[in-house]
Amino acid sequence: MLPPTSHRVPRHTAPEVNARIRHDTEARLAYLADKPEQIQNRLDELDREWDIERVLEVNGSMLALTGLFLGVTGSRKWLLLPTAVVGFCLQHALQGWCPPLSVFRRLGIRTQREIDEERYALKALRGDFEGLAPSEATVAGADAPRTLLDRVRN
């Protein structure tokens, strides 16, 4: 059975890496809760952030093209490189996992869903969505970023 697209990468990421990515997001939300004037800057940064799919596509394409070039101009053995890359791409498309995925996730590269969760939590924090932001009493608490992300996820 193939996993749902939105959950396939986190399912194939080590739990401690997923927890660190979530913790980092919550820390940014907690920091920006006290600095609403900086929320728009963070939203602009999120618009420029590359998600895991884009990073994998660019790196895979570069490796495949390099292998093709070296295979045509040098040894045909280099054609094994694009063959491996295409296999990894197929494996990632179907299962949500490929060997480079673990490396990129440990570097903090997030899925588009994880980026969007932070984006919508920031917009809710700013007051863009009526009834989604935590109450004033909750915003001051340590659990406010987690509460806000949970509301965005649901």
C-alpha atoms as a PDB file:
ATOM      1  CA  MET A   1       0.000   0.000   0.000  1.00  0.00           C
ATOM      2  CA  LEU A   2       1.304   3.434  -0.894  1.00  0.00           C
ATOM      3  CA  PRO A   3       1.322   6.045   1.897  1.00  0.00           C
ATOM      4  CA  PRO A   4      -0.630   9.293   1.440  1.00  0.00           C
ATOM      5  CA  THR A   5       1.493  11.938  -0.279  1.00  0.00           C
ATOM      6  CA  SER A   6       1.338  14.446   2.591  1.00  0.00           C
ATOM      7  CA  HIS A   7       2.612  11.943   5.161  1.00  0.00           C
ATOM      8  CA  ARG A   8       5.098   9.807   3.240  1.00  0.00           C
ATOM      9  CA  VAL A   9       8.269  11.786   4.007  1.00  0.00           C
ATOM     10  CA  PRO A  10       7.685  12.166   7.778  1.00  0.00           C
ATOM     11  CA  ARG A  11       6.824   8.452   7.963  1.00  0.00           C
ATOM     12  CA  HIS A  12      10.258   7.650   6.535  1.00  0.00           C
ATOM     13  CA  THR A  13      12.121  10.156   8.701  1.00  0.00           C
ATOM     14  CA  ALA A  14      13.642   9.223  12.041  1.00  0.00           C
ATOM     15  CA  PRO A  15      11.297  10.227  14.902  1.00  0.00           C
ATOM     16  CA  GLU A  16      14.000  12.357  16.551  1.00  0.00           C
ATOM     17  CA  VAL A  17      14.479  14.302  13.301  1.00  0.00           C
ATOM     18  CA  ASN A  18      10.726  14.907  12.976  1.00  0.00           C
ATOM     19  CA  ALA A  19      10.657  16.010  16.629  1.00  0.00           C
ATOM     20  CA  ARG A  20      13.570  18.421  16.088  1.00  0.00           C
ATOM     21  CA  ILE A  21      11.926  19.936  13.009  1.00  0.00           C
ATOM     22  CA  ARG A  22       8.665  20.394  14.933  1.00  0.00           C
ATOM     23  CA  HIS A  23      10.505  21.812  17.967  1.00  0.00           C
ATOM     24  CA  ASP A  24      12.344  24.334  15.770  1.00  0.00           C
ATOM     25  CA  THR A  25       9.040  25.446  14.245  1.00  0.00           C
ATOM     26  CA  GLU A  26       7.450  25.834  17.675  1.00  0.00           C
ATOM     27  CA  ALA A  27      10.470  27.825  18.886  1.00  0.00           C
ATOM     28  CA  ARG A  28      10.158  30.238  15.948  1.00  0.00           C
ATOM     29  CA  LEU A  29       6.433  30.663  16.667  1.00  0.00           C
ATOM     30  CA  ALA A  30       7.099  31.307  20.355  1.00  0.00           C
ATOM     31  CA  TYR A  31       9.755  33.890  19.471  1.00  0.00           C
ATOM     32  CA  LEU A  32       7.510  35.662  16.962  1.00  0.00           C
ATOM     33  CA  ALA A  33       4.508  35.661  19.313  1.00  0.00           C
ATOM     34  CA  ASP A  34       6.284  38.454  21.194  1.00  0.00           C
ATOM     35  CA  LYS A  35       7.442  40.216  18.018  1.00  0.00           C
ATOM     36  CA  PRO A  36       4.418  40.513  15.707  1.00  0.00           C
ATOM     37  CA  GLU A  37       6.183  43.188  13.656  1.00  0.00           C
ATOM     38  CA  GLN A  38       8.605  40.481  12.423  1.00  0.00           C
ATOM     39  CA  ILE A  39       5.939  38.012  11.290  1.00  0.00           C
ATOM     40  CA  GLN A  40       5.758  39.383   7.747  1.00  0.00           C
ATOM     41  CA  ASN A  41       9.538  39.010   7.352  1.00  0.00           C
ATOM     42  CA  ARG A  42       9.274  35.365   8.420  1.00  0.00           C
ATOM     43  CA  LEU A  43       6.384  34.802   6.001  1.00  0.00           C
ATOM     44  CA  ASP A  44       8.563  36.215   3.216  1.00  0.00           C
ATOM     45  CA  GLU A  45      11.351  33.812   4.231  1.00  0.00           C
ATOM     46  CA  LEU A  46       8.910  30.894   4.122  1.00  0.00           C
ATOM     47  CA  ASP A  47       7.943  31.869   0.565  1.00  0.00           C
ATOM     48  CA  ARG A  48      11.602  31.414  -0.426  1.00  0.00           C
ATOM     49  CA  GLU A  49      12.242  28.219   1.553  1.00  0.00           C
ATOM     50  CA  TRP A  50      12.851  25.123  -0.564  1.00  0.00           C
ATOM     51  CA  ASP A  51      10.914  22.030   0.453  1.00  0.00           C
ATOM     52  CA  ILE A  52      12.322  18.487   0.452  1.00  0.00           C
ATOM     53  CA  GLU A  53      10.787  17.665  -2.941  1.00  0.00           C
ATOM     54  CA  ARG A  54      12.488  20.593  -4.635  1.00  0.00           C
ATOM     55  CA  VAL A  55      15.838  19.838  -2.998  1.00  0.00           C
ATOM     56  CA  LEU A  56      15.646  16.192  -4.073  1.00  0.00           C
ATOM     57  CA  GLU A  57      14.596  17.120  -7.619  1.00  0.00           C
ATOM     58  CA  VAL A  58      17.401  19.628  -8.103  1.00  0.00           C
ATOM     59  CA  ASN A  59      20.088  17.407  -6.600  1.00  0.00           C
ATOM     60  CA  GLY A  60      18.852  14.344  -8.495  1.00  0.00           C
ATOM     61  CA  SER A  61      18.739  16.267 -11.773  1.00  0.00           C
ATOM     62  CA  MET A  62      22.254  17.608 -11.267  1.00  0.00           C
ATOM     63  CA  LEU A  63      23.612  14.127 -10.539  1.00  0.00           C
ATOM     64  CA  ALA A  64      21.754  12.585 -13.496  1.00  0.00           C
ATOM     65  CA  LEU A  65      22.966  15.252 -15.920  1.00  0.00           C
ATOM     66  CA  THR A  66      26.524  14.929 -14.603  1.00  0.00           C
ATOM     67  CA  GLY A  67      26.375  11.154 -15.056  1.00  0.00           C
ATOM     68  CA  LEU A  68      25.000  11.524 -18.592  1.00  0.00           C
ATOM     69  CA  PHE A  69      27.681  14.047 -19.531  1.00  0.00           C
ATOM     70  CA  LEU A  70      30.485  11.898 -18.122  1.00  0.00           C
ATOM     71  CA  GLY A  71      28.966   8.785 -19.700  1.00  0.00           C
ATOM     72  CA  VAL A  72      28.901  10.398 -23.141  1.00  0.00           C
ATOM     73  CA  THR A  73      32.281  12.153 -22.945  1.00  0.00           C
ATOM     74  CA  GLY A  74      34.165   9.666 -20.775  1.00  0.00           C
ATOM     75  CA  SER A  75      33.512   6.154 -19.598  1.00  0.00           C
ATOM     76  CA  ARG A  76      30.129   4.541 -20.192  1.00  0.00           C
ATOM     77  CA  LYS A  77      30.316   3.331 -16.592  1.00  0.00           C
ATOM     78  CA  TRP A  78      29.196   6.819 -15.560  1.00  0.00           C
ATOM     79  CA  LEU A  79      25.769   5.990 -17.015  1.00  0.00           C
ATOM     80  CA  LEU A  80      25.184   3.956 -13.847  1.00  0.00           C
ATOM     81  CA  LEU A  81      24.874   7.240 -11.936  1.00  0.00           C
ATOM     82  CA  PRO A  82      21.765   8.538 -13.757  1.00  0.00           C
ATOM     83  CA  THR A  83      20.326   5.012 -13.639  1.00  0.00           C
ATOM     84  CA  ALA A  84      20.678   4.986  -9.842  1.00  0.00           C
ATOM     85  CA  VAL A  85      19.255   8.514  -9.552  1.00  0.00           C
ATOM     86  CA  VAL A  86      16.187   7.605 -11.623  1.00  0.00           C
ATOM     87  CA  GLY A  87      15.677   4.540  -9.423  1.00  0.00           C
ATOM     88  CA  PHE A  88      15.882   6.705  -6.301  1.00  0.00           C
ATOM     89  CA  CYS A  89      13.387   9.156  -7.801  1.00  0.00           C
ATOM     90  CA  LEU A  90      10.936   6.357  -8.539  1.00  0.00           C
ATOM     91  CA  GLN A  91      11.376   4.922  -5.056  1.00  0.00           C
ATOM     92  CA  HIS A  92      10.774   8.346  -3.499  1.00  0.00           C
ATOM     93  CA  ALA A  93       7.706   8.996  -5.650  1.00  0.00           C
ATOM     94  CA  LEU A  94       6.134   5.687  -4.652  1.00  0.00           C
ATOM     95  CA  GLN A  95       7.269   5.209  -1.065  1.00  0.00           C
ATOM     96  CA  GLY A  96       8.362   8.649   0.111  1.00  0.00           C
ATOM     97  CA  TRP A  97      11.878   7.440   0.851  1.00  0.00           C
ATOM     98  CA  CYS A  98      15.211   7.392  -0.938  1.00  0.00           C
ATOM     99  CA  PRO A  99      18.785   7.319   0.404  1.00  0.00           C
ATOM    100  CA  PRO A 100      19.431  11.102   0.239  1.00  0.00           C
ATOM    101  CA  LEU A 101      16.195  11.843   2.106  1.00  0.00           C
ATOM    102  CA  SER A 102      17.686  11.016   5.506  1.00  0.00           C
ATOM    103  CA  VAL A 103      20.603  13.368   4.934  1.00  0.00           C
ATOM    104  CA  PHE A 104      18.451  16.294   3.820  1.00  0.00           C
ATOM    105  CA  ARG A 105      15.945  15.822   6.647  1.00  0.00           C
ATOM    106  CA  ARG A 106      18.772  15.795   9.204  1.00  0.00           C
ATOM    107  CA  LEU A 107      19.877  19.106   7.667  1.00  0.00           C
ATOM    108  CA  GLY A 108      16.407  20.463   8.522  1.00  0.00           C
ATOM    109  CA  ILE A 109      14.862  20.451   5.047  1.00  0.00           C
ATOM    110  CA  ARG A 110      11.098  20.379   5.585  1.00  0.00           C
ATOM    111  CA  THR A 111       8.144  19.158   3.588  1.00  0.00           C
ATOM    112  CA  GLN A 112       5.832  21.673   1.945  1.00  0.00           C
ATOM    113  CA  ARG A 113       3.190  20.698   4.498  1.00  0.00           C
ATOM    114  CA  GLU A 114       5.547  21.529   7.392  1.00  0.00           C
ATOM    115  CA  ILE A 115       6.362  24.887   5.804  1.00  0.00           C
ATOM    116  CA  ASP A 116       2.670  25.621   5.240  1.00  0.00           C
ATOM    117  CA  GLU A 117       1.838  24.703   8.847  1.00  0.00           C
ATOM    118  CA  GLU A 118       4.274  27.346  10.068  1.00  0.00           C
ATOM    119  CA  ARG A 119       2.948  29.835   7.509  1.00  0.00           C
ATOM    120  CA  TYR A 120      -0.680  29.407   8.597  1.00  0.00           C
ATOM    121  CA  ALA A 121       0.219  29.369  12.294  1.00  0.00           C
ATOM    122  CA  LEU A 122       2.003  32.706  11.806  1.00  0.00           C
ATOM    123  CA  LYS A 123      -0.979  34.132   9.958  1.00  0.00           C
ATOM    124  CA  ALA A 124      -3.277  32.937  12.746  1.00  0.00           C
ATOM    125  CA  LEU A 125      -0.929  34.434  15.321  1.00  0.00           C
ATOM    126  CA  ARG A 126      -1.086  37.715  13.420  1.00  0.00           C
ATOM    127  CA  GLY A 127      -4.895  37.519  13.520  1.00  0.00           C
ATOM    128  CA  ASP A 128      -5.597  36.724   9.867  1.00  0.00           C
ATOM    129  CA  PHE A 129      -8.013  33.889  10.730  1.00  0.00           C
ATOM    130  CA  GLU A 130     -10.812  34.608  13.157  1.00  0.00           C
ATOM    131  CA  GLY A 131     -11.129  32.047  15.946  1.00  0.00           C
ATOM    132  CA  LEU A 132      -7.991  30.051  15.117  1.00  0.00           C
ATOM    133  CA  ALA A 133      -5.403  31.827  17.256  1.00  0.00           C
ATOM    134  CA  PRO A 134      -5.104  30.793  20.914  1.00  0.00           C
ATOM    135  CA  SER A 135      -6.674  33.047  23.492  1.00  0.00           C
ATOM    136  CA  GLU A 136      -4.581  35.776  25.123  1.00  0.00           C
ATOM    137  CA  ALA A 137      -4.114  33.616  28.222  1.00  0.00           C
ATOM    138  CA  THR A 138      -2.828  30.699  26.157  1.00  0.00           C
ATOM    139  CA  VAL A 139      -0.491  32.795  23.982  1.00  0.00           C
ATOM    140  CA  ALA A 140       1.593  33.605  27.019  1.00  0.00           C
ATOM    141  CA  GLY A 141       1.981  29.931  27.935  1.00  0.00           C
ATOM    142  CA  ALA A 142       4.760  27.624  26.844  1.00  0.00           C
ATOM    143  CA  ASP A 143       2.303  25.405  24.942  1.00  0.00           C
ATOM    144  CA  ALA A 144       0.952  28.199  22.711  1.00  0.00           C
ATOM    145  CA  PRO A 145       3.023  27.327  19.603  1.00  0.00           C
ATOM    146  CA  ARG A 146       2.093  23.637  19.874  1.00  0.00           C
ATOM    147  CA  THR A 147      -1.572  24.535  20.423  1.00  0.00           C
ATOM    148  CA  LEU A 148      -1.517  26.841  17.416  1.00  0.00           C
ATOM    149  CA  LEU A 149       0.136  24.217  15.186  1.00  0.00           C
ATOM    150  CA  ASP A 150      -2.368  21.605  16.320  1.00  0.00           C
ATOM    151  CA  ARG A 151      -5.231  23.928  15.406  1.00  0.00           C
ATOM    152  CA  VAL A 152      -3.699  24.574  11.984  1.00  0.00           C
ATOM    153  CA  ARG A 153      -3.220  20.825  11.399  1.00  0.00           C
ATOM    154  CA  ASN A 154      -6.840  20.093  12.247  1.00  0.00           C
END
